[in-house]
Amino acid sequence: MDRSEIKGFIAKRVAKELKDGDVVNLGIGLPTLVPQYLPEGVHVTLQSENGIIGTGTLTEENKDPLYVTDAGGAPAAVAPGGVFIDSCSSFGLIRGGHVDATILGGLEVDEEGSLSNWIIPGKKVPGMGGAMDLLVGAKHVIVAMEHTAKGNPKILKKCRLPYTAVHCITKIITEMGVMNVTDKGLELVEYNPEFTVEQIQAATEATLIISPDLKPMC
């Protein structure tokens, strides 16, 4: 698969996990592509933990005022009918279980469903932001990321970087496959036909459970 196609491929598959009417929080980076691929008839409300309910699509026409930003500090827009709320109310929504799904990137995930996504060794980072609240407050946690980093597995037996939260992930979606987090470990339920199951396992440190109903990603 050409590297230029990977992020779009992952985002398109993630979009199929969302249902009409869902309240969804998107992490920075790859997850922000997901709304472009929502199936016909599926409309979601995007929530940003810094206080936007109903985040919209940024265009040349609505890029001002520049003081409207998403949780990552990037310029953002508000959809018609969207509202601004204070930070306490926003995190009350998250911690109260009112967010149906959060989609986050990951530096490392492990077979226990834990996630490390906020620190890179040797780099200055601002902190984990609202990720730890989202991981324990959202009904479904989907990690959308590339399967490896410079050829090294990102899906591990145990995360090595500091945890963002533990035992929190519902599903992992990469360019190689779709994995559900279960009590017994990571179950590969879909695979990209460009890769064999053996190649997927070779790129994964954690031992994958191959679903008896394994099917191609579509």
Protein backbone atom coordinates (compact mmCIF):
# COMPACT_ATOMS: atom_id res chain seq x y z
CA MET A 1 0.00 0.00 0.00
CA ASP A 2 1.34 3.45 -0.94
CA ARG A 3 2.08 5.53 2.14
CA SER A 4 -0.02 8.40 0.80
CA GLU A 5 -3.10 6.15 0.92
CA ILE A 6 -2.71 4.79 4.44
CA LYS A 7 -4.35 7.51 6.53
CA GLY A 8 -7.36 7.80 4.23
CA PHE A 9 -7.74 4.02 4.16
CA ILE A 10 -7.78 3.82 7.96
CA ALA A 11 -10.13 6.80 8.35
CA LYS A 12 -12.60 5.34 5.85
CA ARG A 13 -12.77 2.07 7.79
CA VAL A 14 -13.12 3.87 11.12
CA ALA A 15 -16.06 5.87 9.77
CA LYS A 16 -18.04 2.64 9.39
CA GLU A 17 -17.97 2.19 13.16
CA LEU A 18 -20.09 5.31 13.73
CA LYS A 19 -23.88 5.35 13.89
CA ASP A 20 -26.36 8.06 12.99
CA GLY A 21 -26.83 10.39 15.95
CA ASP A 22 -23.57 9.50 17.73
CA VAL A 23 -21.72 12.11 19.75
CA VAL A 24 -18.08 11.68 18.73
CA ASN A 25 -14.80 13.12 19.95
CA LEU A 26 -11.88 13.14 17.51
CA GLY A 27 -8.23 13.21 18.49
CA ILE A 28 -5.73 15.27 16.52
CA GLY A 29 -4.14 14.03 13.31
CA LEU A 30 -5.55 11.02 11.48
CA PRO A 31 -8.89 10.93 13.40
CA THR A 32 -9.83 14.34 12.00
CA LEU A 33 -10.12 12.73 8.54
CA VAL A 34 -12.94 10.40 9.62
CA PRO A 35 -15.90 12.79 8.98
CA GLN A 36 -14.95 12.91 5.28
CA TYR A 37 -15.84 9.22 4.97
CA LEU A 38 -19.09 8.93 6.92
CA PRO A 39 -21.54 6.59 5.16
CA GLU A 40 -24.58 8.14 3.52
CA GLY A 41 -27.31 8.81 6.05
CA VAL A 42 -24.96 8.85 9.03
CA HIS A 43 -24.77 12.20 10.79
CA VAL A 44 -22.77 12.66 13.97
CA THR A 45 -22.22 15.50 16.43
CA LEU A 46 -18.54 16.24 16.89
CA GLN A 47 -17.48 17.27 20.38
CA SER A 48 -14.20 18.98 21.18
CA GLU A 49 -13.14 18.79 24.82
CA ASN A 50 -12.08 22.43 24.89
CA GLY A 51 -15.75 23.38 24.70
CA ILE A 52 -17.34 22.96 21.25
CA ILE A 53 -20.43 20.84 20.67
CA GLY A 54 -20.97 20.56 16.93
CA THR A 55 -17.54 21.13 15.43
CA GLY A 56 -17.88 21.94 11.73
CA THR A 57 -15.77 21.77 8.60
CA LEU A 58 -13.17 24.51 8.23
CA THR A 59 -13.35 26.24 4.85
CA GLU A 60 -11.96 29.41 3.31
CA GLU A 61 -15.27 31.12 4.00
CA ASN A 62 -15.47 30.27 7.70
CA LYS A 63 -11.81 30.18 8.75
CA ASP A 64 -12.23 33.39 10.78
CA PRO A 65 -12.32 34.19 13.64
CA LEU A 66 -8.96 32.58 14.29
CA TYR A 67 -9.58 32.41 18.03
CA VAL A 68 -11.87 29.38 17.44
CA THR A 69 -9.66 26.32 17.80
CA ASP A 70 -10.02 22.62 18.38
CA ALA A 71 -8.54 20.81 21.38
CA GLY A 72 -5.20 20.54 19.59
CA GLY A 73 -4.97 24.30 19.08
CA ALA A 74 -5.65 24.15 15.34
CA PRO A 75 -8.17 26.54 13.75
CA ALA A 76 -11.69 25.12 13.91
CA ALA A 77 -15.24 25.92 12.85
CA VAL A 78 -18.64 25.41 14.42
CA ALA A 79 -21.44 23.78 12.44
CA PRO A 80 -24.86 25.43 12.22
CA GLY A 81 -26.58 24.77 15.54
CA GLY A 82 -23.28 24.17 17.29
CA VAL A 83 -22.57 25.72 20.67
CA PHE A 84 -19.72 26.73 22.93
CA ILE A 85 -19.66 25.51 26.53
CA ASP A 86 -17.22 25.96 29.37
CA SER A 87 -14.49 23.43 30.09
CA CYS A 88 -16.20 22.07 33.22
CA SER A 89 -19.39 21.32 31.29
CA SER A 90 -17.41 19.78 28.44
CA PHE A 91 -15.59 17.39 30.73
CA GLY A 92 -18.84 16.71 32.57
CA LEU A 93 -20.19 15.40 29.25
CA ILE A 94 -17.14 13.20 28.81
CA ARG A 95 -16.91 11.90 32.38
CA GLY A 96 -20.67 11.43 32.53
CA GLY A 97 -20.62 8.90 29.70
CA HIS A 98 -22.40 11.07 27.13
CA VAL A 99 -19.78 10.66 24.38
CA ASP A 100 -20.64 7.62 22.26
CA ALA A 101 -17.20 7.19 20.72
CA THR A 102 -13.76 8.71 20.84
CA ILE A 103 -11.24 8.14 18.06
CA LEU A 104 -7.62 8.61 19.02
CA GLY A 105 -4.20 8.00 17.55
CA GLY A 106 -1.65 5.96 19.44
CA LEU A 107 2.09 5.73 19.92
CA GLU A 108 1.69 2.30 21.55
CA VAL A 109 -1.20 0.01 22.41
CA ASP A 110 -1.05 -3.37 24.07
CA GLU A 111 -2.94 -6.64 24.26
CA GLU A 112 -4.63 -5.56 27.49
CA GLY A 113 -6.30 -2.66 25.72
CA SER A 114 -4.07 0.00 27.27
CA LEU A 115 -2.86 3.08 25.38
CA SER A 116 0.18 5.34 25.39
CA ASN A 117 -0.35 8.31 23.11
CA TRP A 118 1.03 11.44 24.67
CA ILE A 119 4.81 11.40 25.02
CA ILE A 120 7.66 10.89 22.59
CA PRO A 121 11.09 10.27 24.14
CA GLY A 122 13.36 13.27 23.67
CA LYS A 123 10.56 15.55 22.48
CA LYS A 124 8.80 18.33 24.32
CA VAL A 125 5.06 17.72 24.57
CA PRO A 126 2.31 19.77 26.26
CA GLY A 127 0.76 16.80 28.06
CA MET A 128 -2.02 14.34 27.45
CA GLY A 129 -4.80 16.93 27.29
CA GLY A 130 -8.26 15.39 27.64
CA ALA A 131 -7.25 11.97 26.37
CA MET A 132 -7.24 10.22 29.74
CA ASP A 133 -10.76 11.46 30.49
CA LEU A 134 -12.00 10.40 27.06
CA LEU A 135 -10.47 6.95 27.40
CA VAL A 136 -12.39 6.19 30.58
CA GLY A 137 -15.50 8.26 29.85
CA ALA A 138 -16.44 7.44 26.24
CA LYS A 139 -18.63 4.41 25.58
CA HIS A 140 -16.38 3.19 22.76
CA VAL A 141 -12.67 3.89 22.32
CA ILE A 142 -11.27 3.36 18.83
CA VAL A 143 -7.53 3.70 18.23
CA ALA A 144 -6.81 4.63 14.61
CA MET A 145 -3.12 4.47 13.74
CA GLU A 146 -0.49 3.05 11.43
CA HIS A 147 0.41 -0.51 12.35
CA THR A 148 4.15 0.14 12.77
CA ALA A 149 6.54 3.05 13.27
CA LYS A 150 9.64 2.86 11.07
CA GLY A 151 9.07 -0.88 10.84
CA ASN A 152 8.77 -1.37 14.59
CA PRO A 153 5.54 -2.79 16.10
CA LYS A 154 3.22 -0.36 17.85
CA ILE A 155 0.87 -3.11 19.05
CA LEU A 156 2.74 -4.62 21.97
CA LYS A 157 2.37 -7.17 24.73
CA LYS A 158 2.81 -4.30 27.18
CA CYS A 159 3.17 -0.58 26.53
CA ARG A 160 6.66 0.77 27.22
CA LEU A 161 5.84 4.48 27.15
CA PRO A 162 3.89 6.12 30.00
CA TYR A 163 0.24 5.07 29.97
CA THR A 164 -2.51 7.47 29.06
CA ALA A 165 -5.03 4.96 30.46
CA VAL A 166 -5.21 1.20 30.96
CA HIS A 167 -7.76 -1.42 29.90
CA CYS A 168 -9.69 1.20 27.95
CA ILE A 169 -9.61 0.41 24.21
CA THR A 170 -12.56 -1.15 22.42
CA LYS A 171 -11.09 -1.54 18.93
CA ILE A 172 -7.82 -0.95 17.04
CA ILE A 173 -7.91 -0.11 13.34
CA THR A 174 -4.74 0.07 11.22
CA GLU A 175 -3.91 -0.24 7.54
CA MET A 176 -3.34 -3.96 8.14
CA GLY A 177 -6.46 -4.95 10.00
CA VAL A 178 -9.19 -4.49 12.57
CA MET A 179 -8.68 -5.88 16.06
CA ASN A 180 -11.20 -6.13 18.88
CA VAL A 181 -9.94 -5.99 22.46
CA THR A 182 -11.26 -9.00 24.37
CA ASP A 183 -10.69 -10.53 27.80
CA LYS A 184 -8.41 -13.08 26.12
CA GLY A 185 -6.38 -10.58 24.09
CA LEU A 186 -6.52 -8.95 20.66
CA GLU A 187 -8.80 -10.66 18.17
CA LEU A 188 -8.10 -10.00 14.50
CA VAL A 189 -11.56 -9.78 12.92
CA GLU A 190 -10.71 -8.12 9.59
CA TYR A 191 -7.55 -8.07 7.47
CA ASN A 192 -6.34 -5.99 4.56
CA PRO A 193 -6.05 -8.42 1.60
CA GLU A 194 -2.77 -6.73 0.66
CA PHE A 195 -1.25 -8.52 3.65
CA THR A 196 -1.33 -12.13 4.78
CA VAL A 197 -2.29 -13.02 8.33
CA GLU A 198 1.31 -14.11 8.83
CA GLN A 199 2.58 -10.69 7.76
CA ILE A 200 0.15 -8.97 10.13
CA GLN A 201 1.29 -11.12 13.03
CA ALA A 202 4.95 -10.50 12.14
CA ALA A 203 4.32 -6.75 12.38
CA THR A 204 2.61 -7.18 15.77
CA GLU A 205 4.43 -7.96 19.03
CA ALA A 206 1.22 -9.03 20.78
CA THR A 207 -0.09 -12.48 19.90
CA LEU A 208 -3.21 -12.11 17.78
CA ILE A 209 -6.24 -14.32 18.19
CA ILE A 210 -7.52 -15.08 14.69
CA SER A 211 -11.29 -14.84 14.56
CA PRO A 212 -13.06 -17.88 13.07
CA ASP A 213 -15.14 -15.29 11.18
CA LEU A 214 -12.13 -13.37 9.86
CA LYS A 215 -13.03 -11.34 6.76
CA PRO A 216 -11.38 -8.82 4.44
CA MET A 217 -11.48 -5.12 5.33
CA CYS A 218 -13.86 -3.19 3.15
